Amino acid sequence: MSPRKRKIKLHLQVYDISLSGKEVVVFLEHLLRRLPGPIVMVWDKHPIHGRRLVKDFLARHPRLHVFDFPTAAPELNPTEFVWTQVTDYTAGSAPRSGIELRTKVMAGVARTRRSSSRLWACVFASDLPWKR
């Protein structure tokens, strides 16, 4: 979200491989190219975020300010509510292949991404003390 909470966007990259620190760095580079000014990131404590490659990249890019969610606290993470919306979108479908499943999931992501009201709902559904 923008500093004055006027804009909200969802940046998401999907991979068909197990992720390494390299993919995290590629995503961070994408954010740095797309978003001006300081970037505050709040992410979970997944081991991939602590890889040496990621830590070194963060140390070289002071525009990125990273904070960790507490361990095992998905109710604080607005991203979990994005996945809830995608689950709602895909409910009742019976994809016949991995390709169909991926297509349906990405359509659900696109629907959420296009709707600022859906994105704000994800933010305010979390148990973080957001101010409206």
N, C-alpha and C. Protein backbone atom coordinates (compact mmCIF):
# COMPACT_ATOMS: atom_id res chain seq x y z
N MET A 1 0.84 -1.17 0.00
CA MET A 1 0.00 0.00 0.00
C MET A 1 0.88 1.23 0.00
N SER A 2 0.37 2.29 -0.54
CA SER A 2 1.14 3.53 -0.56
C SER A 2 1.18 4.11 0.85
N PRO A 3 2.17 4.98 1.12
CA PRO A 3 2.30 5.52 2.48
C PRO A 3 1.04 6.19 3.01
N ARG A 4 0.28 6.84 2.14
CA ARG A 4 -0.94 7.51 2.60
C ARG A 4 -2.18 6.63 2.44
N LYS A 5 -1.94 5.36 2.13
CA LYS A 5 -3.00 4.35 2.00
C LYS A 5 -4.01 4.72 0.91
N ARG A 6 -3.54 5.42 -0.12
CA ARG A 6 -4.44 5.75 -1.23
C ARG A 6 -4.44 4.67 -2.29
N LYS A 7 -3.33 3.94 -2.40
CA LYS A 7 -3.21 2.90 -3.41
C LYS A 7 -2.80 1.60 -2.74
N ILE A 8 -3.25 0.52 -3.33
CA ILE A 8 -2.87 -0.80 -2.86
C ILE A 8 -2.69 -1.69 -4.08
N LYS A 9 -1.63 -2.49 -4.06
CA LYS A 9 -1.33 -3.39 -5.18
C LYS A 9 -0.90 -4.73 -4.63
N LEU A 10 -1.09 -5.74 -5.43
CA LEU A 10 -0.62 -7.08 -5.10
C LEU A 10 0.46 -7.45 -6.10
N HIS A 11 1.67 -7.69 -5.61
CA HIS A 11 2.77 -8.16 -6.44
C HIS A 11 2.99 -9.62 -6.07
N LEU A 12 2.87 -10.48 -7.06
CA LEU A 12 2.96 -11.92 -6.81
C LEU A 12 3.70 -12.56 -7.95
N GLN A 13 4.61 -13.44 -7.63
CA GLN A 13 5.32 -14.21 -8.65
C GLN A 13 5.11 -15.68 -8.33
N VAL A 14 4.71 -16.45 -9.32
CA VAL A 14 4.48 -17.87 -9.13
C VAL A 14 5.56 -18.65 -9.87
N TYR A 15 6.08 -19.66 -9.21
CA TYR A 15 7.13 -20.49 -9.80
C TYR A 15 6.68 -21.94 -9.83
N ASP A 16 7.17 -22.68 -10.81
CA ASP A 16 6.88 -24.10 -10.93
C ASP A 16 8.02 -24.95 -10.37
N ILE A 17 8.86 -24.35 -9.57
CA ILE A 17 10.02 -25.04 -9.01
C ILE A 17 10.09 -24.77 -7.52
N SER A 18 10.90 -25.54 -6.83
CA SER A 18 11.18 -25.23 -5.43
C SER A 18 12.00 -23.96 -5.41
N LEU A 19 11.66 -23.07 -4.51
CA LEU A 19 12.31 -21.77 -4.49
C LEU A 19 13.63 -21.80 -3.74
N SER A 20 14.52 -20.95 -4.20
CA SER A 20 15.78 -20.73 -3.52
C SER A 20 15.89 -19.24 -3.25
N GLY A 21 16.96 -18.84 -2.62
CA GLY A 21 17.19 -17.41 -2.38
C GLY A 21 17.24 -16.62 -3.67
N LYS A 22 17.66 -17.26 -4.76
CA LYS A 22 17.75 -16.57 -6.05
C LYS A 22 16.40 -16.02 -6.48
N GLU A 23 15.35 -16.82 -6.35
CA GLU A 23 14.01 -16.37 -6.75
C GLU A 23 13.51 -15.23 -5.86
N VAL A 24 13.86 -15.27 -4.58
CA VAL A 24 13.49 -14.17 -3.68
C VAL A 24 14.17 -12.89 -4.13
N VAL A 25 15.44 -12.97 -4.48
CA VAL A 25 16.17 -11.79 -4.95
C VAL A 25 15.57 -11.27 -6.25
N VAL A 26 15.20 -12.14 -7.16
CA VAL A 26 14.57 -11.70 -8.41
C VAL A 26 13.28 -10.94 -8.12
N PHE A 27 12.49 -11.44 -7.17
CA PHE A 27 11.26 -10.75 -6.80
C PHE A 27 11.56 -9.38 -6.17
N LEU A 28 12.56 -9.33 -5.29
CA LEU A 28 12.93 -8.05 -4.67
C LEU A 28 13.42 -7.05 -5.71
N GLU A 29 14.17 -7.53 -6.69
CA GLU A 29 14.61 -6.65 -7.78
C GLU A 29 13.40 -6.10 -8.54
N HIS A 30 12.41 -6.95 -8.76
CA HIS A 30 11.17 -6.52 -9.42
C HIS A 30 10.51 -5.39 -8.63
N LEU A 31 10.41 -5.56 -7.31
CA LEU A 31 9.80 -4.51 -6.48
C LEU A 31 10.59 -3.21 -6.56
N LEU A 32 11.89 -3.31 -6.51
CA LEU A 32 12.73 -2.10 -6.57
C LEU A 32 12.55 -1.37 -7.89
N ARG A 33 12.36 -2.11 -8.98
CA ARG A 33 12.13 -1.46 -10.28
C ARG A 33 10.75 -0.83 -10.36
N ARG A 34 9.75 -1.45 -9.75
CA ARG A 34 8.36 -1.01 -9.90
C ARG A 34 7.90 0.04 -8.91
N LEU A 35 8.51 0.06 -7.72
CA LEU A 35 8.03 0.94 -6.65
C LEU A 35 9.09 1.98 -6.28
N PRO A 36 8.74 3.24 -6.35
CA PRO A 36 9.69 4.28 -5.96
C PRO A 36 9.76 4.42 -4.44
N GLY A 37 10.84 5.00 -3.96
CA GLY A 37 10.96 5.32 -2.54
C GLY A 37 11.20 4.10 -1.67
N PRO A 38 11.12 4.32 -0.36
CA PRO A 38 11.34 3.22 0.58
C PRO A 38 10.23 2.17 0.45
N ILE A 39 10.61 0.92 0.66
CA ILE A 39 9.66 -0.19 0.59
C ILE A 39 9.72 -0.92 1.92
N VAL A 40 8.59 -0.99 2.60
CA VAL A 40 8.50 -1.73 3.86
C VAL A 40 7.88 -3.08 3.55
N MET A 41 8.60 -4.12 3.90
CA MET A 41 8.13 -5.48 3.66
C MET A 41 7.94 -6.17 4.99
N VAL A 42 6.83 -6.87 5.09
CA VAL A 42 6.58 -7.69 6.27
C VAL A 42 6.35 -9.10 5.74
N TRP A 43 7.20 -10.02 6.16
CA TRP A 43 7.05 -11.38 5.65
C TRP A 43 7.20 -12.39 6.76
N ASP A 44 6.82 -13.63 6.45
CA ASP A 44 6.90 -14.68 7.46
C ASP A 44 8.35 -15.11 7.64
N LYS A 45 8.56 -15.98 8.58
CA LYS A 45 9.93 -16.43 8.89
C LYS A 45 10.29 -17.70 8.14
N HIS A 46 9.81 -17.82 6.93
CA HIS A 46 10.16 -18.98 6.11
C HIS A 46 11.68 -18.99 5.93
N PRO A 47 12.31 -20.15 6.00
CA PRO A 47 13.77 -20.22 5.87
C PRO A 47 14.33 -19.57 4.61
N ILE A 48 13.55 -19.55 3.54
CA ILE A 48 14.05 -18.96 2.29
C ILE A 48 14.35 -17.47 2.45
N HIS A 49 13.63 -16.80 3.33
CA HIS A 49 13.86 -15.37 3.54
C HIS A 49 15.16 -15.10 4.29
N GLY A 50 15.69 -16.11 4.94
CA GLY A 50 16.93 -15.95 5.69
C GLY A 50 18.17 -16.45 4.98
N ARG A 51 18.04 -16.84 3.71
CA ARG A 51 19.20 -17.32 2.97
C ARG A 51 20.26 -16.23 2.87
N ARG A 52 21.50 -16.62 2.86
CA ARG A 52 22.62 -15.67 2.79
C ARG A 52 22.48 -14.75 1.59
N LEU A 53 22.11 -15.29 0.43
CA LEU A 53 21.94 -14.48 -0.78
C LEU A 53 20.92 -13.38 -0.56
N VAL A 54 19.82 -13.70 0.10
CA VAL A 54 18.76 -12.72 0.38
C VAL A 54 19.26 -11.68 1.38
N LYS A 55 19.90 -12.12 2.45
CA LYS A 55 20.41 -11.18 3.45
C LYS A 55 21.42 -10.22 2.84
N ASP A 56 22.31 -10.75 2.01
CA ASP A 56 23.31 -9.88 1.36
C ASP A 56 22.65 -8.87 0.44
N PHE A 57 21.63 -9.31 -0.30
CA PHE A 57 20.90 -8.40 -1.19
C PHE A 57 20.24 -7.29 -0.38
N LEU A 58 19.58 -7.65 0.70
CA LEU A 58 18.92 -6.66 1.55
C LEU A 58 19.91 -5.66 2.12
N ALA A 59 21.09 -6.14 2.50
CA ALA A 59 22.12 -5.25 3.05
C ALA A 59 22.59 -4.23 2.01
N ARG A 60 22.55 -4.60 0.74
CA ARG A 60 22.99 -3.69 -0.33
C ARG A 60 21.88 -2.75 -0.81
N HIS A 61 20.66 -2.94 -0.34
CA HIS A 61 19.54 -2.13 -0.82
C HIS A 61 18.78 -1.51 0.37
N PRO A 62 19.24 -0.36 0.83
CA PRO A 62 18.64 0.27 2.01
C PRO A 62 17.21 0.75 1.80
N ARG A 63 16.71 0.77 0.56
CA ARG A 63 15.30 1.12 0.33
C ARG A 63 14.37 0.06 0.87
N LEU A 64 14.88 -1.17 1.03
CA LEU A 64 14.06 -2.28 1.51
C LEU A 64 14.17 -2.37 3.03
N HIS A 65 13.05 -2.22 3.70
CA HIS A 65 12.97 -2.32 5.16
C HIS A 65 12.13 -3.55 5.48
N VAL A 66 12.74 -4.55 6.07
CA VAL A 66 12.07 -5.84 6.26
C VAL A 66 11.77 -6.10 7.73
N PHE A 67 10.55 -6.54 7.98
CA PHE A 67 10.11 -6.94 9.31
C PHE A 67 9.51 -8.34 9.20
N ASP A 68 9.66 -9.14 10.24
CA ASP A 68 9.14 -10.50 10.25
C ASP A 68 7.85 -10.58 11.05
N PHE A 69 6.90 -11.34 10.49
CA PHE A 69 5.73 -11.71 11.28
C PHE A 69 6.19 -12.69 12.35
N PRO A 70 5.50 -12.74 13.48
CA PRO A 70 5.83 -13.77 14.47
C PRO A 70 5.62 -15.17 13.88
N THR A 71 6.37 -16.12 14.39
CA THR A 71 6.23 -17.51 13.95
C THR A 71 4.81 -18.01 14.26
N ALA A 72 4.26 -18.77 13.33
CA ALA A 72 2.95 -19.41 13.49
C ALA A 72 1.85 -18.41 13.84
N ALA A 73 1.79 -17.30 13.11
CA ALA A 73 0.74 -16.31 13.33
C ALA A 73 0.12 -15.89 11.99
N PRO A 74 -0.48 -16.83 11.26
CA PRO A 74 -1.05 -16.49 9.95
C PRO A 74 -2.17 -15.45 10.04
N GLU A 75 -2.81 -15.36 11.19
CA GLU A 75 -3.91 -14.40 11.33
C GLU A 75 -3.43 -12.95 11.24
N LEU A 76 -2.13 -12.73 11.35
CA LEU A 76 -1.57 -11.38 11.24
C LEU A 76 -1.19 -11.03 9.80
N ASN A 77 -1.11 -12.03 8.95
CA ASN A 77 -0.57 -11.84 7.61
C ASN A 77 -1.69 -11.63 6.58
N PRO A 78 -1.81 -10.41 6.02
CA PRO A 78 -2.86 -10.15 5.03
C PRO A 78 -2.79 -11.08 3.82
N THR A 79 -1.61 -11.59 3.50
CA THR A 79 -1.47 -12.49 2.36
C THR A 79 -2.30 -13.76 2.55
N GLU A 80 -2.44 -14.20 3.79
CA GLU A 80 -3.25 -15.39 4.04
C GLU A 80 -4.69 -15.16 3.59
N PHE A 81 -5.16 -13.94 3.66
CA PHE A 81 -6.53 -13.63 3.26
C PHE A 81 -6.66 -13.51 1.73
N VAL A 82 -5.54 -13.22 1.06
CA VAL A 82 -5.54 -13.32 -0.40
C VAL A 82 -5.80 -14.76 -0.79
N TRP A 83 -5.11 -15.69 -0.11
CA TRP A 83 -5.30 -17.12 -0.43
C TRP A 83 -6.71 -17.56 -0.08
N THR A 84 -7.30 -16.98 0.94
CA THR A 84 -8.70 -17.29 1.27
C THR A 84 -9.61 -16.88 0.11
N GLN A 85 -9.36 -15.71 -0.46
CA GLN A 85 -10.17 -15.27 -1.60
C GLN A 85 -9.97 -16.17 -2.82
N VAL A 86 -8.74 -16.60 -3.05
CA VAL A 86 -8.47 -17.51 -4.16
C VAL A 86 -9.17 -18.84 -3.93
N THR A 87 -9.14 -19.32 -2.68
CA THR A 87 -9.82 -20.57 -2.34
C THR A 87 -11.32 -20.45 -2.60
N ASP A 88 -11.90 -19.31 -2.20
CA ASP A 88 -13.33 -19.09 -2.46
C ASP A 88 -13.63 -19.11 -3.95
N TYR A 89 -12.72 -18.51 -4.75
CA TYR A 89 -12.91 -18.45 -6.20
C TYR A 89 -12.83 -19.84 -6.83
N THR A 90 -11.96 -20.69 -6.30
CA THR A 90 -11.77 -22.01 -6.90
C THR A 90 -12.69 -23.07 -6.31
N ALA A 91 -13.41 -22.74 -5.24
CA ALA A 91 -14.30 -23.71 -4.60
C ALA A 91 -15.33 -24.24 -5.59
N GLY A 92 -15.56 -25.52 -5.52
CA GLY A 92 -16.56 -26.12 -6.39
C GLY A 92 -16.03 -26.49 -7.76
N SER A 93 -14.78 -26.13 -8.04
CA SER A 93 -14.23 -26.51 -9.34
C SER A 93 -13.53 -27.87 -9.20
N ALA A 94 -13.42 -28.56 -10.28
CA ALA A 94 -12.76 -29.87 -10.28
C ALA A 94 -11.81 -29.93 -11.48
N PRO A 95 -10.66 -29.26 -11.35
CA PRO A 95 -9.71 -29.26 -12.47
C PRO A 95 -9.25 -30.69 -12.80
N ARG A 96 -9.08 -30.94 -14.07
CA ARG A 96 -8.67 -32.28 -14.52
C ARG A 96 -7.17 -32.42 -14.67
N SER A 97 -6.45 -31.33 -14.49
CA SER A 97 -4.99 -31.40 -14.63
C SER A 97 -4.36 -30.28 -13.81
N GLY A 98 -3.08 -30.38 -13.64
CA GLY A 98 -2.34 -29.32 -12.95
C GLY A 98 -2.43 -28.01 -13.70
N ILE A 99 -2.48 -28.08 -15.00
CA ILE A 99 -2.58 -26.86 -15.81
C ILE A 99 -3.92 -26.17 -15.57
N GLU A 100 -5.00 -26.96 -15.53
CA GLU A 100 -6.32 -26.38 -15.23
C GLU A 100 -6.35 -25.77 -13.84
N LEU A 101 -5.76 -26.47 -12.88
CA LEU A 101 -5.72 -25.95 -11.51
C LEU A 101 -4.96 -24.64 -11.46
N ARG A 102 -3.80 -24.60 -12.07
CA ARG A 102 -2.99 -23.37 -12.08
C ARG A 102 -3.76 -22.23 -12.75
N THR A 103 -4.44 -22.52 -13.86
CA THR A 103 -5.21 -21.50 -14.56
C THR A 103 -6.30 -20.94 -13.66
N LYS A 104 -6.99 -21.81 -12.95
CA LYS A 104 -8.07 -21.38 -12.06
C LYS A 104 -7.51 -20.56 -10.89
N VAL A 105 -6.42 -21.01 -10.31
CA VAL A 105 -5.80 -20.27 -9.19
C VAL A 105 -5.34 -18.90 -9.67
N MET A 106 -4.69 -18.83 -10.81
CA MET A 106 -4.20 -17.54 -11.30
C MET A 106 -5.35 -16.61 -11.67
N ALA A 107 -6.49 -17.17 -12.12
CA ALA A 107 -7.67 -16.33 -12.38
C ALA A 107 -8.19 -15.76 -11.06
N GLY A 108 -8.16 -16.55 -9.99
CA GLY A 108 -8.57 -16.06 -8.68
C GLY A 108 -7.64 -14.97 -8.17
N VAL A 109 -6.34 -15.15 -8.39
CA VAL A 109 -5.36 -14.13 -8.00
C VAL A 109 -5.62 -12.85 -8.80
N ALA A 110 -5.84 -13.00 -10.11
CA ALA A 110 -6.08 -11.82 -10.96
C ALA A 110 -7.33 -11.06 -10.51
N ARG A 111 -8.37 -11.79 -10.15
CA ARG A 111 -9.60 -11.14 -9.66
C ARG A 111 -9.31 -10.33 -8.40
N THR A 112 -8.55 -10.89 -7.50
CA THR A 112 -8.21 -10.18 -6.27
C THR A 112 -7.30 -8.99 -6.57
N ARG A 113 -6.33 -9.19 -7.44
CA ARG A 113 -5.38 -8.13 -7.79
C ARG A 113 -6.09 -6.93 -8.41
N ARG A 114 -7.10 -7.16 -9.22
CA ARG A 114 -7.82 -6.07 -9.91
C ARG A 114 -8.72 -5.27 -8.99
N SER A 115 -9.02 -5.78 -7.83
CA SER A 115 -10.02 -5.15 -6.96
C SER A 115 -9.37 -4.55 -5.71
N SER A 116 -9.30 -3.23 -5.67
CA SER A 116 -8.73 -2.61 -4.48
C SER A 116 -9.58 -2.92 -3.24
N SER A 117 -10.89 -3.05 -3.42
CA SER A 117 -11.72 -3.38 -2.25
C SER A 117 -11.41 -4.77 -1.72
N ARG A 118 -11.14 -5.72 -2.61
CA ARG A 118 -10.73 -7.06 -2.15
C ARG A 118 -9.38 -7.00 -1.44
N LEU A 119 -8.44 -6.23 -1.97
CA LEU A 119 -7.12 -6.12 -1.35
C LEU A 119 -7.21 -5.45 0.03
N TRP A 120 -8.00 -4.39 0.11
CA TRP A 120 -8.16 -3.73 1.42
C TRP A 120 -8.84 -4.68 2.41
N ALA A 121 -9.77 -5.49 1.93
CA ALA A 121 -10.43 -6.47 2.81
C ALA A 121 -9.40 -7.44 3.39
N CYS A 122 -8.41 -7.82 2.60
CA CYS A 122 -7.34 -8.71 3.10
C CYS A 122 -6.53 -8.02 4.19
N VAL A 123 -6.23 -6.76 3.99
CA VAL A 123 -5.46 -6.01 4.98
C VAL A 123 -6.24 -5.89 6.28
N PHE A 124 -7.49 -5.49 6.18
CA PHE A 124 -8.28 -5.24 7.39
C PHE A 124 -8.80 -6.51 8.06
N ALA A 125 -8.76 -7.64 7.33
CA ALA A 125 -9.13 -8.92 7.94
C ALA A 125 -8.05 -9.43 8.88
N SER A 126 -6.82 -8.98 8.66
CA SER A 126 -5.72 -9.44 9.53
C SER A 126 -5.88 -8.83 10.92
N ASP A 127 -5.26 -9.48 11.87
CA ASP A 127 -5.35 -9.00 13.26
C ASP A 127 -4.32 -7.94 13.61
N LEU A 128 -3.64 -7.41 12.61
CA LEU A 128 -2.71 -6.31 12.88
C LEU A 128 -3.50 -5.05 13.21
N PRO A 129 -2.95 -4.15 14.01
CA PRO A 129 -3.69 -2.93 14.39
C PRO A 129 -3.64 -1.86 13.29
N TRP A 130 -4.26 -2.15 12.14
CA TRP A 130 -4.29 -1.20 11.04
C TRP A 130 -5.21 -0.03 11.40
N LYS A 131 -4.82 1.12 10.93
CA LYS A 131 -5.68 2.31 11.10
C LYS A 131 -6.28 2.62 9.75
N ARG A 132 -7.56 2.84 9.74
CA ARG A 132 -8.25 3.15 8.47
C ARG A 132 -8.08 4.59 8.10
